[in-house]
Amino acid sequence: MADPNPTVGELFKAKAVTDEQVNAAVDAYHADPGTTAHPIADGYSLDLGAAVAGHAWASQVVANTESSENLKRAAVRTAILLARAEKA
């Protein structure tokens, strides 16, 4: 039986999520880190704030004022790809 809550990375690998959708999620997080229900793919959503908060490295990078914008984007993208999407 398939996992009802796959990671975004698993959805990406299965081509259910595009690179553009992941980039849009990164942009949405940077626009509002408190976003709780971002539609990531057809039928799936993701709590962006929880995804980053739940990833120790990403949350440290984002909180560090000395981190570059590119590093922050990469950290958020990593946290999103590792987070479990929820059926909408």
PDB file of N, CA and C in Angstrom:
ATOM      1  N   MET A   1       0.843  -1.188   0.000  1.00  0.00           N
ATOM      2  CA  MET A   1       0.000   0.000   0.000  1.00  0.00           C
ATOM      3  C   MET A   1       0.881   1.242   0.000  1.00  0.00           C
ATOM      4  N   ALA A   2       0.526   2.207  -0.813  1.00  0.00           N
ATOM      5  CA  ALA A   2       1.293   3.449  -0.906  1.00  0.00           C
ATOM      6  C   ALA A   2       1.114   4.283   0.360  1.00  0.00           C
ATOM      7  N   ASP A   3       2.159   5.006   0.711  1.00  0.00           N
ATOM      8  CA  ASP A   3       2.128   5.880   1.880  1.00  0.00           C
ATOM      9  C   ASP A   3       1.119   6.999   1.627  1.00  0.00           C
ATOM     10  N   PRO A   4       0.129   7.188   2.514  1.00  0.00           N
ATOM     11  CA  PRO A   4      -0.859   8.248   2.305  1.00  0.00           C
ATOM     12  C   PRO A   4      -0.263   9.647   2.479  1.00  0.00           C
ATOM     13  N   ASN A   5       0.896   9.731   3.121  1.00  0.00           N
ATOM     14  CA  ASN A   5       1.567  11.012   3.327  1.00  0.00           C
ATOM     15  C   ASN A   5       3.020  10.899   2.873  1.00  0.00           C
ATOM     16  N   PRO A   6       3.243  10.882   1.561  1.00  0.00           N
ATOM     17  CA  PRO A   6       4.616  10.782   1.055  1.00  0.00           C
ATOM     18  C   PRO A   6       5.374  12.091   1.281  1.00  0.00           C
ATOM     19  N   THR A   7       6.697  12.006   1.239  1.00  0.00           N
ATOM     20  CA  THR A   7       7.465  13.249   1.307  1.00  0.00           C
ATOM     21  C   THR A   7       7.311  13.978  -0.017  1.00  0.00           C
ATOM     22  N   VAL A   8       7.562  15.259   0.012  1.00  0.00           N
ATOM     23  CA  VAL A   8       7.515  16.044  -1.225  1.00  0.00           C
ATOM     24  C   VAL A   8       8.572  15.509  -2.182  1.00  0.00           C
ATOM     25  N   GLY A   9       9.712  15.076  -1.649  1.00  0.00           N
ATOM     26  CA  GLY A   9      10.763  14.495  -2.480  1.00  0.00           C
ATOM     27  C   GLY A   9      10.283  13.244  -3.199  1.00  0.00           C
ATOM     28  N   GLU A  10       9.505  12.409  -2.511  1.00  0.00           N
ATOM     29  CA  GLU A  10       8.942  11.214  -3.144  1.00  0.00           C
ATOM     30  C   GLU A  10       7.955  11.598  -4.237  1.00  0.00           C
ATOM     31  N   LEU A  11       7.155  12.609  -3.982  1.00  0.00           N
ATOM     32  CA  LEU A  11       6.219  13.094  -5.007  1.00  0.00           C
ATOM     33  C   LEU A  11       6.976  13.677  -6.194  1.00  0.00           C
ATOM     34  N   PHE A  12       8.075  14.353  -5.914  1.00  0.00           N
ATOM     35  CA  PHE A  12       8.918  14.928  -6.964  1.00  0.00           C
ATOM     36  C   PHE A  12       9.513  13.816  -7.831  1.00  0.00           C
ATOM     37  N   LYS A  13      10.016  12.785  -7.174  1.00  0.00           N
ATOM     38  CA  LYS A  13      10.596  11.645  -7.885  1.00  0.00           C
ATOM     39  C   LYS A  13       9.558  10.952  -8.767  1.00  0.00           C
ATOM     40  N   ALA A  14       8.329  10.891  -8.289  1.00  0.00           N
ATOM     41  CA  ALA A  14       7.238  10.264  -9.022  1.00  0.00           C
ATOM     42  C   ALA A  14       6.645  11.206 -10.074  1.00  0.00           C
ATOM     43  N   LYS A  15       7.215  12.403 -10.184  1.00  0.00           N
ATOM     44  CA  LYS A  15       6.774  13.428 -11.122  1.00  0.00           C
ATOM     45  C   LYS A  15       5.351  13.944 -10.836  1.00  0.00           C
ATOM     46  N   ALA A  16       4.938  13.816  -9.568  1.00  0.00           N
ATOM     47  CA  ALA A  16       3.649  14.358  -9.146  1.00  0.00           C
ATOM     48  C   ALA A  16       3.801  15.814  -8.710  1.00  0.00           C
ATOM     49  N   VAL A  17       5.045  16.224  -8.456  1.00  0.00           N
ATOM     50  CA  VAL A  17       5.379  17.601  -8.097  1.00  0.00           C
ATOM     51  C   VAL A  17       6.491  18.049  -9.044  1.00  0.00           C
ATOM     52  N   THR A  18       6.345  19.253  -9.570  1.00  0.00           N
ATOM     53  CA  THR A  18       7.361  19.786 -10.475  1.00  0.00           C
ATOM     54  C   THR A  18       8.354  20.667  -9.734  1.00  0.00           C
ATOM     55  N   ASP A  19       9.451  20.943 -10.393  1.00  0.00           N
ATOM     56  CA  ASP A  19      10.453  21.851  -9.843  1.00  0.00           C
ATOM     57  C   ASP A  19       9.836  23.227  -9.603  1.00  0.00           C
ATOM     58  N   GLU A  20       8.959  23.643 -10.509  1.00  0.00           N
ATOM     59  CA  GLU A  20       8.294  24.943 -10.373  1.00  0.00           C
ATOM     60  C   GLU A  20       7.415  24.983  -9.126  1.00  0.00           C
ATOM     61  N   GLN A  21       6.754  23.880  -8.813  1.00  0.00           N
ATOM     62  CA  GLN A  21       5.906  23.831  -7.619  1.00  0.00           C
ATOM     63  C   GLN A  21       6.745  23.888  -6.343  1.00  0.00           C
ATOM     64  N   VAL A  22       7.888  23.230  -6.362  1.00  0.00           N
ATOM     65  CA  VAL A  22       8.782  23.290  -5.198  1.00  0.00           C
ATOM     66  C   VAL A  22       9.319  24.713  -5.048  1.00  0.00           C
ATOM     67  N   ASN A  23       9.737  25.329  -6.155  1.00  0.00           N
ATOM     68  CA  ASN A  23      10.224  26.715  -6.109  1.00  0.00           C
ATOM     69  C   ASN A  23       9.133  27.665  -5.620  1.00  0.00           C
ATOM     70  N   ALA A  24       7.893  27.436  -6.038  1.00  0.00           N
ATOM     71  CA  ALA A  24       6.775  28.275  -5.587  1.00  0.00           C
ATOM     72  C   ALA A  24       6.574  28.119  -4.076  1.00  0.00           C
ATOM     73  N   ALA A  25       6.770  26.910  -3.563  1.00  0.00           N
ATOM     74  CA  ALA A  25       6.647  26.688  -2.116  1.00  0.00           C
ATOM     75  C   ALA A  25       7.755  27.419  -1.362  1.00  0.00           C
ATOM     76  N   VAL A  26       8.969  27.399  -1.912  1.00  0.00           N
ATOM     77  CA  VAL A  26      10.086  28.134  -1.295  1.00  0.00           C
ATOM     78  C   VAL A  26       9.759  29.628  -1.278  1.00  0.00           C
ATOM     79  N   ASP A  27       9.268  30.145  -2.394  1.00  0.00           N
ATOM     80  CA  ASP A  27       8.890  31.566  -2.478  1.00  0.00           C
ATOM     81  C   ASP A  27       7.785  31.888  -1.470  1.00  0.00           C
ATOM     82  N   ALA A  28       6.800  30.995  -1.358  1.00  0.00           N
ATOM     83  CA  ALA A  28       5.686  31.214  -0.430  1.00  0.00           C
ATOM     84  C   ALA A  28       6.189  31.248   1.009  1.00  0.00           C
ATOM     85  N   TYR A  29       7.136  30.367   1.344  1.00  0.00           N
ATOM     86  CA  TYR A  29       7.693  30.379   2.699  1.00  0.00           C
ATOM     87  C   TYR A  29       8.393  31.705   2.969  1.00  0.00           C
ATOM     88  N   HIS A  30       9.193  32.167   2.018  1.00  0.00           N
ATOM     89  CA  HIS A  30       9.919  33.425   2.225  1.00  0.00           C
ATOM     90  C   HIS A  30       8.973  34.616   2.306  1.00  0.00           C
ATOM     91  N   ALA A  31       7.851  34.554   1.614  1.00  0.00           N
ATOM     92  CA  ALA A  31       6.859  35.634   1.678  1.00  0.00           C
ATOM     93  C   ALA A  31       6.121  35.617   3.013  1.00  0.00           C
ATOM     94  N   ASP A  32       5.850  34.414   3.545  1.00  0.00           N
ATOM     95  CA  ASP A  32       5.144  34.275   4.822  1.00  0.00           C
ATOM     96  C   ASP A  32       5.559  32.970   5.494  1.00  0.00           C
ATOM     97  N   PRO A  33       6.566  33.036   6.390  1.00  0.00           N
ATOM     98  CA  PRO A  33       7.041  31.818   7.056  1.00  0.00           C
ATOM     99  C   PRO A  33       5.983  31.103   7.889  1.00  0.00           C
ATOM    100  N   GLY A  34       4.878  31.739   8.142  1.00  0.00           N
ATOM    101  CA  GLY A  34       3.818  31.116   8.928  1.00  0.00           C
ATOM    102  C   GLY A  34       2.792  30.376   8.092  1.00  0.00           C
ATOM    103  N   THR A  35       3.057  30.218   6.792  1.00  0.00           N
ATOM    104  CA  THR A  35       2.112  29.528   5.913  1.00  0.00           C
ATOM    105  C   THR A  35       1.895  28.105   6.406  1.00  0.00           C
ATOM    106  N   THR A  36       0.624  27.748   6.631  1.00  0.00           N
ATOM    107  CA  THR A  36       0.330  26.432   7.196  1.00  0.00           C
ATOM    108  C   THR A  36      -0.299  25.464   6.209  1.00  0.00           C
ATOM    109  N   ALA A  37      -0.873  25.941   5.128  1.00  0.00           N
ATOM    110  CA  ALA A  37      -1.531  25.028   4.179  1.00  0.00           C
ATOM    111  C   ALA A  37      -1.252  25.474   2.752  1.00  0.00           C
ATOM    112  N   HIS A  38      -0.071  25.166   2.283  1.00  0.00           N
ATOM    113  CA  HIS A  38       0.319  25.520   0.912  1.00  0.00           C
ATOM    114  C   HIS A  38       0.043  24.333   0.000  1.00  0.00           C
ATOM    115  N   PRO A  39      -0.762  24.536  -1.063  1.00  0.00           N
ATOM    116  CA  PRO A  39      -0.994  23.429  -1.996  1.00  0.00           C
ATOM    117  C   PRO A  39       0.295  23.135  -2.764  1.00  0.00           C
ATOM    118  N   ILE A  40       0.824  21.933  -2.597  1.00  0.00           N
ATOM    119  CA  ILE A  40       2.112  21.591  -3.202  1.00  0.00           C
ATOM    120  C   ILE A  40       1.934  20.801  -4.487  1.00  0.00           C
ATOM    121  N   ALA A  41       0.897  19.992  -4.562  1.00  0.00           N
ATOM    122  CA  ALA A  41       0.625  19.176  -5.745  1.00  0.00           C
ATOM    123  C   ALA A  41      -0.867  18.896  -5.784  1.00  0.00           C
ATOM    124  N   ASP A  42      -1.311  18.330  -6.868  1.00  0.00           N
ATOM    125  CA  ASP A  42      -2.724  18.004  -7.014  1.00  0.00           C
ATOM    126  C   ASP A  42      -3.160  17.080  -5.883  1.00  0.00           C
ATOM    127  N   GLY A  43      -3.988  17.601  -4.985  1.00  0.00           N
ATOM    128  CA  GLY A  43      -4.502  16.793  -3.891  1.00  0.00           C
ATOM    129  C   GLY A  43      -3.635  16.762  -2.643  1.00  0.00           C
ATOM    130  N   TYR A  44      -2.520  17.483  -2.628  1.00  0.00           N
ATOM    131  CA  TYR A  44      -1.616  17.500  -1.473  1.00  0.00           C
ATOM    132  C   TYR A  44      -1.328  18.924  -1.037  1.00  0.00           C
ATOM    133  N   SER A  45      -1.179  19.100   0.266  1.00  0.00           N
ATOM    134  CA  SER A  45      -0.769  20.396   0.799  1.00  0.00           C
ATOM    135  C   SER A  45       0.356  20.178   1.803  1.00  0.00           C
ATOM    136  N   LEU A  46       1.000  21.281   2.168  1.00  0.00           N
ATOM    137  CA  LEU A  46       2.149  21.204   3.061  1.00  0.00           C
ATOM    138  C   LEU A  46       2.146  22.402   4.000  1.00  0.00           C
ATOM    139  N   ASP A  47       2.405  22.139   5.272  1.00  0.00           N
ATOM    140  CA  ASP A  47       2.575  23.193   6.270  1.00  0.00           C
ATOM    141  C   ASP A  47       4.025  23.658   6.153  1.00  0.00           C
ATOM    142  N   LEU A  48       4.242  24.766   5.458  1.00  0.00           N
ATOM    143  CA  LEU A  48       5.606  25.229   5.191  1.00  0.00           C
ATOM    144  C   LEU A  48       6.340  25.620   6.461  1.00  0.00           C
ATOM    145  N   GLY A  49       5.652  26.307   7.351  1.00  0.00           N
ATOM    146  CA  GLY A  49       6.282  26.716   8.610  1.00  0.00           C
ATOM    147  C   GLY A  49       6.750  25.524   9.419  1.00  0.00           C
ATOM    148  N   ALA A  50       5.911  24.501   9.496  1.00  0.00           N
ATOM    149  CA  ALA A  50       6.270  23.294  10.249  1.00  0.00           C
ATOM    150  C   ALA A  50       7.384  22.521   9.548  1.00  0.00           C
ATOM    151  N   ALA A  51       7.382  22.537   8.224  1.00  0.00           N
ATOM    152  CA  ALA A  51       8.429  21.824   7.473  1.00  0.00           C
ATOM    153  C   ALA A  51       9.800  22.395   7.802  1.00  0.00           C
ATOM    154  N   VAL A  52       9.909  23.710   7.820  1.00  0.00           N
ATOM    155  CA  VAL A  52      11.201  24.345   8.115  1.00  0.00           C
ATOM    156  C   VAL A  52      11.524  24.221   9.601  1.00  0.00           C
ATOM    157  N   ALA A  53      10.546  24.452  10.460  1.00  0.00           N
ATOM    158  CA  ALA A  53      10.780  24.351  11.906  1.00  0.00           C
ATOM    159  C   ALA A  53      11.182  22.937  12.310  1.00  0.00           C
ATOM    160  N   GLY A  54      10.671  21.945  11.605  1.00  0.00           N
ATOM    161  CA  GLY A  54      10.974  20.560  11.921  1.00  0.00           C
ATOM    162  C   GLY A  54      12.297  20.055  11.370  1.00  0.00           C
ATOM    163  N   HIS A  55      12.970  20.882  10.635  1.00  0.00           N
ATOM    164  CA  HIS A  55      14.268  20.506  10.063  1.00  0.00           C
ATOM    165  C   HIS A  55      15.323  21.381  10.740  1.00  0.00           C
ATOM    166  N   ALA A  56      16.107  20.777  11.624  1.00  0.00           N
ATOM    167  CA  ALA A  56      17.032  21.539  12.475  1.00  0.00           C
ATOM    168  C   ALA A  56      17.974  22.439  11.686  1.00  0.00           C
ATOM    169  N   TRP A  57      18.619  21.894  10.652  1.00  0.00           N
ATOM    170  CA  TRP A  57      19.577  22.688   9.882  1.00  0.00           C
ATOM    171  C   TRP A  57      18.884  23.856   9.180  1.00  0.00           C
ATOM    172  N   ALA A  58      17.750  23.590   8.546  1.00  0.00           N
ATOM    173  CA  ALA A  58      17.038  24.648   7.823  1.00  0.00           C
ATOM    174  C   ALA A  58      16.600  25.762   8.773  1.00  0.00           C
ATOM    175  N   SER A  59      16.075  25.391   9.930  1.00  0.00           N
ATOM    176  CA  SER A  59      15.618  26.434  10.859  1.00  0.00           C
ATOM    177  C   SER A  59      16.780  27.259  11.380  1.00  0.00           C
ATOM    178  N   GLN A  60      17.948  26.638  11.568  1.00  0.00           N
ATOM    179  CA  GLN A  60      19.126  27.389  12.010  1.00  0.00           C
ATOM    180  C   GLN A  60      19.614  28.338  10.913  1.00  0.00           C
ATOM    181  N   VAL A  61      19.652  27.863   9.695  1.00  0.00           N
ATOM    182  CA  VAL A  61      20.111  28.693   8.576  1.00  0.00           C
ATOM    183  C   VAL A  61      19.187  29.887   8.392  1.00  0.00           C
ATOM    184  N   VAL A  62      17.881  29.645   8.409  1.00  0.00           N
ATOM    185  CA  VAL A  62      16.910  30.723   8.204  1.00  0.00           C
ATOM    186  C   VAL A  62      17.001  31.761   9.319  1.00  0.00           C
ATOM    187  N   ALA A  63      17.250  31.323  10.546  1.00  0.00           N
ATOM    188  CA  ALA A  63      17.325  32.245  11.682  1.00  0.00           C
ATOM    189  C   ALA A  63      18.639  33.020  11.740  1.00  0.00           C
ATOM    190  N   ASN A  64      19.660  32.534  11.054  1.00  0.00           N
ATOM    191  CA  ASN A  64      20.976  33.171  11.094  1.00  0.00           C
ATOM    192  C   ASN A  64      21.005  34.380  10.156  1.00  0.00           C
ATOM    193  N   THR A  65      21.199  35.561  10.711  1.00  0.00           N
ATOM    194  CA  THR A  65      21.210  36.781   9.901  1.00  0.00           C
ATOM    195  C   THR A  65      22.410  36.842   8.957  1.00  0.00           C
ATOM    196  N   GLU A  66      23.425  36.037   9.230  1.00  0.00           N
ATOM    197  CA  GLU A  66      24.609  36.032   8.368  1.00  0.00           C
ATOM    198  C   GLU A  66      24.493  35.054   7.199  1.00  0.00           C
ATOM    199  N   SER A  67      23.443  34.243   7.172  1.00  0.00           N
ATOM    200  CA  SER A  67      23.241  33.305   6.062  1.00  0.00           C
ATOM    201  C   SER A  67      22.872  34.077   4.796  1.00  0.00           C
ATOM    202  N   SER A  68      23.450  33.664   3.686  1.00  0.00           N
ATOM    203  CA  SER A  68      23.126  34.311   2.411  1.00  0.00           C
ATOM    204  C   SER A  68      21.711  33.921   1.975  1.00  0.00           C
ATOM    205  N   GLU A  69      21.147  34.705   1.092  1.00  0.00           N
ATOM    206  CA  GLU A  69      19.807  34.417   0.579  1.00  0.00           C
ATOM    207  C   GLU A  69      19.790  33.078  -0.154  1.00  0.00           C
ATOM    208  N   ASN A  70      20.841  32.776  -0.908  1.00  0.00           N
ATOM    209  CA  ASN A  70      20.903  31.500  -1.623  1.00  0.00           C
ATOM    210  C   ASN A  70      20.949  30.325  -0.658  1.00  0.00           C
ATOM    211  N   LEU A  71      21.698  30.449   0.430  1.00  0.00           N
ATOM    212  CA  LEU A  71      21.772  29.379   1.413  1.00  0.00           C
ATOM    213  C   LEU A  71      20.410  29.190   2.084  1.00  0.00           C
ATOM    214  N   LYS A  72      19.741  30.284   2.407  1.00  0.00           N
ATOM    215  CA  LYS A  72      18.418  30.196   3.024  1.00  0.00           C
ATOM    216  C   LYS A  72      17.439  29.490   2.088  1.00  0.00           C
ATOM    217  N   ARG A  73      17.471  29.839   0.806  1.00  0.00           N
ATOM    218  CA  ARG A  73      16.580  29.194  -0.173  1.00  0.00           C
ATOM    219  C   ARG A  73      16.878  27.700  -0.268  1.00  0.00           C
ATOM    220  N   ALA A  74      18.152  27.343  -0.283  1.00  0.00           N
ATOM    221  CA  ALA A  74      18.535  25.929  -0.376  1.00  0.00           C
ATOM    222  C   ALA A  74      18.085  25.166   0.870  1.00  0.00           C
ATOM    223  N   ALA A  75      18.224  25.783   2.025  1.00  0.00           N
ATOM    224  CA  ALA A  75      17.819  25.134   3.273  1.00  0.00           C
ATOM    225  C   ALA A  75      16.308  24.917   3.310  1.00  0.00           C
ATOM    226  N   VAL A  76      15.562  25.931   2.901  1.00  0.00           N
ATOM    227  CA  VAL A  76      14.099  25.815   2.880  1.00  0.00           C
ATOM    228  C   VAL A  76      13.683  24.750   1.866  1.00  0.00           C
ATOM    229  N   ARG A  77      14.326  24.732   0.697  1.00  0.00           N
ATOM    230  CA  ARG A  77      14.011  23.728  -0.326  1.00  0.00           C
ATOM    231  C   ARG A  77      14.269  22.317   0.216  1.00  0.00           C
ATOM    232  N   THR A  78      15.376  22.132   0.911  1.00  0.00           N
ATOM    233  CA  THR A  78      15.690  20.829   1.497  1.00  0.00           C
ATOM    234  C   THR A  78      14.619  20.417   2.499  1.00  0.00           C
ATOM    235  N   ALA A  79      14.237  21.339   3.371  1.00  0.00           N
ATOM    236  CA  ALA A  79      13.211  21.040   4.375  1.00  0.00           C
ATOM    237  C   ALA A  79      11.888  20.674   3.703  1.00  0.00           C
ATOM    238  N   ILE A  80      11.541  21.380   2.652  1.00  0.00           N
ATOM    239  CA  ILE A  80      10.289  21.099   1.933  1.00  0.00           C
ATOM    240  C   ILE A  80      10.340  19.721   1.289  1.00  0.00           C
ATOM    241  N   LEU A  81      11.444  19.405   0.637  1.00  0.00           N
ATOM    242  CA  LEU A  81      11.554  18.100  -0.039  1.00  0.00           C
ATOM    243  C   LEU A  81      11.493  16.932   0.962  1.00  0.00           C
ATOM    244  N   LEU A  82      11.968  17.146   2.175  1.00  0.00           N
ATOM    245  CA  LEU A  82      11.974  16.079   3.177  1.00  0.00           C
ATOM    246  C   LEU A  82      10.672  16.007   3.991  1.00  0.00           C
ATOM    247  N   ALA A  83       9.841  17.036   3.875  1.00  0.00           N
ATOM    248  CA  ALA A  83       8.596  17.089   4.652  1.00  0.00           C
ATOM    249  C   ALA A  83       7.536  16.185   4.032  1.00  0.00           C
ATOM    250  N   ARG A  84       6.639  15.709   4.873  1.00  0.00           N
ATOM    251  CA  ARG A  84       5.530  14.862   4.414  1.00  0.00           C
ATOM    252  C   ARG A  84       4.344  15.728   4.010  1.00  0.00           C
ATOM    253  N   ALA A  85       3.891  15.521   2.794  1.00  0.00           N
ATOM    254  CA  ALA A  85       2.722  16.232   2.296  1.00  0.00           C
ATOM    255  C   ALA A  85       1.472  15.559   2.864  1.00  0.00           C
ATOM    256  N   GLU A  86       0.414  16.325   2.997  1.00  0.00           N
ATOM    257  CA  GLU A  86      -0.836  15.785   3.509  1.00  0.00           C
ATOM    258  C   GLU A  86      -1.885  15.817   2.411  1.00  0.00           C
ATOM    259  N   LYS A  87      -2.718  14.800   2.383  1.00  0.00           N
ATOM    260  CA  LYS A  87      -3.820  14.770   1.428  1.00  0.00           C
ATOM    261  C   LYS A  87      -4.750  15.934   1.734  1.00  0.00           C
ATOM    262  N   ALA A  88      -5.054  16.678   0.711  1.00  0.00           N
ATOM    263  CA  ALA A  88      -5.926  17.860   0.899  1.00  0.00           C
ATOM    264  C   ALA A  88      -7.390  17.451   0.884  1.00  0.00           C
TER     265      ALA A  88
END
